[in-house]
Amino acid sequence: MATVAGTMAAPTAEGVVWSWLTTVDHKRIGVLYGVTAFIFFLIGGVEALHVRAQLATPIGGVVEPELYGQLFSLPAGPMDV
């Protein structure tokens, strides 16, 4: 007669996230690299659209000039990579 071992606990969301963030598996690291690159691609695209929206009007009425100067330097990172 077979003996039944105890049931295994279901993996928690915290355990799954922690295992992905602390992995040394090269396949998981590649997936994380691709996801990170895609996220920065999206952020750079949104920032570029914001700059174009600001430049679309002659007065530049989307944000104030001081804030535009701060925001204009922000897209330099993701867009230049």
N, C-alpha and C. Protein backbone atom coordinates (compact mmCIF):
# COMPACT_ATOMS: atom_id res chain seq x y z
N MET A 1 0.82 -1.16 0.00
CA MET A 1 0.00 0.00 0.00
C MET A 1 0.89 1.24 0.00
N ALA A 2 0.51 2.21 -0.80
CA ALA A 2 1.32 3.42 -0.92
C ALA A 2 1.01 4.37 0.21
N THR A 3 2.03 5.03 0.65
CA THR A 3 1.82 6.04 1.68
C THR A 3 1.74 7.40 1.01
N VAL A 4 0.92 8.24 1.57
CA VAL A 4 0.72 9.57 1.00
C VAL A 4 1.53 10.56 1.81
N ALA A 5 2.38 11.26 1.12
CA ALA A 5 3.15 12.31 1.78
C ALA A 5 2.26 13.54 1.94
N GLY A 6 2.66 14.44 2.78
CA GLY A 6 1.89 15.66 2.99
C GLY A 6 1.79 16.49 1.72
N THR A 7 0.79 17.31 1.65
CA THR A 7 0.61 18.14 0.47
C THR A 7 1.62 19.28 0.48
N MET A 8 2.03 19.68 -0.71
CA MET A 8 2.97 20.79 -0.81
C MET A 8 2.21 22.11 -0.78
N ALA A 9 2.79 23.09 -0.16
CA ALA A 9 2.17 24.41 -0.12
C ALA A 9 2.31 25.07 -1.48
N ALA A 10 1.28 25.79 -1.88
CA ALA A 10 1.32 26.51 -3.15
C ALA A 10 2.32 27.66 -3.04
N PRO A 11 3.06 27.92 -4.11
CA PRO A 11 4.01 29.03 -4.05
C PRO A 11 3.29 30.36 -3.90
N THR A 12 3.81 31.20 -3.06
CA THR A 12 3.20 32.52 -2.86
C THR A 12 3.75 33.50 -3.88
N ALA A 13 3.04 34.58 -4.06
CA ALA A 13 3.50 35.60 -5.02
C ALA A 13 4.83 36.18 -4.57
N GLU A 14 5.01 36.35 -3.28
CA GLU A 14 6.27 36.89 -2.77
C GLU A 14 7.43 35.95 -3.07
N GLY A 15 7.20 34.66 -2.93
CA GLY A 15 8.25 33.69 -3.22
C GLY A 15 8.61 33.64 -4.69
N VAL A 16 7.61 33.78 -5.56
CA VAL A 16 7.85 33.74 -7.00
C VAL A 16 8.63 34.98 -7.43
N VAL A 17 8.23 36.15 -6.95
CA VAL A 17 8.93 37.39 -7.30
C VAL A 17 10.36 37.36 -6.79
N TRP A 18 10.53 36.92 -5.55
CA TRP A 18 11.88 36.86 -4.97
C TRP A 18 12.76 35.88 -5.73
N SER A 19 12.18 34.77 -6.16
CA SER A 19 12.99 33.79 -6.91
C SER A 19 13.40 34.35 -8.27
N TRP A 20 12.55 35.17 -8.90
CA TRP A 20 12.92 35.78 -10.17
C TRP A 20 13.98 36.86 -9.98
N LEU A 21 13.88 37.63 -8.91
CA LEU A 21 14.83 38.73 -8.70
C LEU A 21 16.19 38.26 -8.22
N THR A 22 16.26 37.08 -7.63
CA THR A 22 17.54 36.59 -7.09
C THR A 22 18.05 35.38 -7.86
N THR A 23 17.59 35.21 -9.07
CA THR A 23 17.97 34.03 -9.84
C THR A 23 19.39 34.13 -10.38
N VAL A 24 20.00 32.98 -10.61
CA VAL A 24 21.28 32.91 -11.31
C VAL A 24 21.13 32.11 -12.60
N ASP A 25 19.89 31.73 -12.92
CA ASP A 25 19.60 30.99 -14.15
C ASP A 25 19.72 31.93 -15.35
N HIS A 26 20.54 31.57 -16.30
CA HIS A 26 20.82 32.47 -17.42
C HIS A 26 19.58 32.74 -18.28
N LYS A 27 18.66 31.80 -18.33
CA LYS A 27 17.45 32.02 -19.12
C LYS A 27 16.54 33.04 -18.45
N ARG A 28 16.41 32.97 -17.15
CA ARG A 28 15.60 33.95 -16.42
C ARG A 28 16.25 35.33 -16.47
N ILE A 29 17.57 35.39 -16.38
CA ILE A 29 18.26 36.67 -16.45
C ILE A 29 18.03 37.30 -17.83
N GLY A 30 18.03 36.50 -18.88
CA GLY A 30 17.74 37.00 -20.21
C GLY A 30 16.34 37.56 -20.32
N VAL A 31 15.36 36.88 -19.73
CA VAL A 31 13.99 37.37 -19.74
C VAL A 31 13.90 38.69 -18.97
N LEU A 32 14.54 38.76 -17.81
CA LEU A 32 14.53 40.00 -17.03
C LEU A 32 15.18 41.14 -17.81
N TYR A 33 16.25 40.85 -18.52
CA TYR A 33 16.94 41.85 -19.33
C TYR A 33 16.01 42.38 -20.43
N GLY A 34 15.31 41.47 -21.10
CA GLY A 34 14.38 41.88 -22.15
C GLY A 34 13.21 42.69 -21.62
N VAL A 35 12.65 42.29 -20.49
CA VAL A 35 11.54 43.02 -19.88
C VAL A 35 11.99 44.42 -19.48
N THR A 36 13.17 44.52 -18.88
CA THR A 36 13.68 45.83 -18.48
C THR A 36 13.91 46.73 -19.69
N ALA A 37 14.46 46.18 -20.76
CA ALA A 37 14.69 46.97 -21.97
C ALA A 37 13.37 47.46 -22.55
N PHE A 38 12.34 46.61 -22.55
CA PHE A 38 11.04 47.00 -23.08
C PHE A 38 10.41 48.09 -22.24
N ILE A 39 10.53 48.00 -20.92
CA ILE A 39 9.97 49.02 -20.04
C ILE A 39 10.64 50.37 -20.30
N PHE A 40 11.97 50.38 -20.42
CA PHE A 40 12.66 51.63 -20.69
C PHE A 40 12.34 52.15 -22.09
N PHE A 41 12.09 51.27 -23.05
CA PHE A 41 11.65 51.67 -24.38
C PHE A 41 10.31 52.40 -24.30
N LEU A 42 9.38 51.87 -23.51
CA LEU A 42 8.08 52.52 -23.35
C LEU A 42 8.21 53.87 -22.65
N ILE A 43 9.03 53.93 -21.61
CA ILE A 43 9.23 55.20 -20.88
C ILE A 43 9.83 56.25 -21.82
N GLY A 44 10.83 55.86 -22.60
CA GLY A 44 11.43 56.79 -23.55
C GLY A 44 10.44 57.26 -24.60
N GLY A 45 9.57 56.36 -25.05
CA GLY A 45 8.55 56.74 -26.03
C GLY A 45 7.55 57.73 -25.48
N VAL A 46 7.12 57.52 -24.25
CA VAL A 46 6.18 58.46 -23.62
C VAL A 46 6.84 59.82 -23.43
N GLU A 47 8.10 59.82 -23.03
CA GLU A 47 8.81 61.09 -22.85
C GLU A 47 9.00 61.80 -24.19
N ALA A 48 9.29 61.06 -25.24
CA ALA A 48 9.45 61.66 -26.56
C ALA A 48 8.13 62.25 -27.06
N LEU A 49 7.02 61.56 -26.80
CA LEU A 49 5.71 62.09 -27.18
C LEU A 49 5.40 63.37 -26.41
N HIS A 50 5.81 63.42 -25.17
CA HIS A 50 5.59 64.62 -24.37
C HIS A 50 6.38 65.80 -24.94
N VAL A 51 7.61 65.57 -25.33
CA VAL A 51 8.43 66.63 -25.91
C VAL A 51 7.80 67.10 -27.22
N ARG A 52 7.33 66.17 -28.06
CA ARG A 52 6.72 66.55 -29.33
C ARG A 52 5.42 67.32 -29.10
N ALA A 53 4.64 66.94 -28.09
CA ALA A 53 3.41 67.67 -27.79
C ALA A 53 3.72 69.09 -27.35
N GLN A 54 4.78 69.27 -26.61
CA GLN A 54 5.19 70.60 -26.17
C GLN A 54 5.62 71.45 -27.37
N LEU A 55 6.32 70.85 -28.31
CA LEU A 55 6.81 71.59 -29.46
C LEU A 55 5.75 71.77 -30.56
N ALA A 56 4.59 71.14 -30.42
CA ALA A 56 3.56 71.21 -31.45
C ALA A 56 2.88 72.57 -31.48
N THR A 57 2.85 73.26 -30.37
CA THR A 57 2.21 74.57 -30.33
C THR A 57 3.29 75.65 -30.37
N PRO A 58 2.98 76.80 -30.98
CA PRO A 58 3.99 77.85 -31.06
C PRO A 58 4.40 78.39 -29.69
N ILE A 59 3.47 78.44 -28.77
CA ILE A 59 3.77 78.98 -27.44
C ILE A 59 4.30 77.89 -26.53
N GLY A 60 4.02 76.65 -26.84
CA GLY A 60 4.46 75.55 -25.98
C GLY A 60 3.64 75.49 -24.72
N GLY A 61 2.32 75.34 -24.88
CA GLY A 61 1.42 75.46 -23.75
C GLY A 61 1.15 74.20 -22.97
N VAL A 62 1.90 73.14 -23.14
CA VAL A 62 1.62 71.91 -22.40
C VAL A 62 2.08 72.04 -20.96
N VAL A 63 3.30 72.47 -20.75
CA VAL A 63 3.82 72.71 -19.39
C VAL A 63 4.54 74.05 -19.37
N GLU A 64 4.83 74.53 -18.18
CA GLU A 64 5.54 75.80 -18.01
C GLU A 64 7.00 75.65 -18.47
N PRO A 65 7.64 76.76 -18.85
CA PRO A 65 9.01 76.68 -19.37
C PRO A 65 10.01 76.07 -18.38
N GLU A 66 9.88 76.36 -17.09
CA GLU A 66 10.82 75.81 -16.12
C GLU A 66 10.68 74.29 -16.03
N LEU A 67 9.44 73.83 -15.98
CA LEU A 67 9.19 72.40 -15.91
C LEU A 67 9.60 71.70 -17.21
N TYR A 68 9.41 72.40 -18.34
CA TYR A 68 9.83 71.82 -19.62
C TYR A 68 11.33 71.60 -19.65
N GLY A 69 12.09 72.54 -19.12
CA GLY A 69 13.54 72.38 -19.07
C GLY A 69 13.95 71.17 -18.25
N GLN A 70 13.24 70.94 -17.15
CA GLN A 70 13.54 69.77 -16.32
C GLN A 70 13.14 68.48 -17.04
N LEU A 71 11.99 68.49 -17.68
CA LEU A 71 11.51 67.29 -18.36
C LEU A 71 12.31 67.00 -19.63
N PHE A 72 12.81 68.05 -20.29
CA PHE A 72 13.53 67.84 -21.54
C PHE A 72 14.84 67.10 -21.31
N SER A 73 15.45 67.29 -20.16
CA SER A 73 16.70 66.58 -19.87
C SER A 73 16.44 65.13 -19.47
N LEU A 74 15.23 64.81 -19.05
CA LEU A 74 14.89 63.46 -18.61
C LEU A 74 14.91 62.43 -19.74
N PRO A 75 14.40 62.72 -20.95
CA PRO A 75 14.41 61.68 -22.00
C PRO A 75 15.78 61.36 -22.55
N ALA A 76 16.78 62.12 -22.21
CA ALA A 76 18.11 61.88 -22.78
C ALA A 76 18.63 60.49 -22.45
N GLY A 77 18.33 59.96 -21.29
CA GLY A 77 18.81 58.63 -20.92
C GLY A 77 18.23 57.52 -21.77
N PRO A 78 16.92 57.30 -21.74
CA PRO A 78 16.35 56.19 -22.52
C PRO A 78 16.45 56.38 -24.03
N MET A 79 16.38 57.62 -24.52
CA MET A 79 16.38 57.82 -25.97
C MET A 79 17.77 57.70 -26.57
N ASP A 80 18.81 57.96 -25.80
CA ASP A 80 20.16 57.89 -26.34
C ASP A 80 20.76 56.50 -26.28
N VAL A 81 20.13 55.60 -25.57
CA VAL A 81 20.72 54.27 -25.38
C VAL A 81 20.64 53.47 -26.61
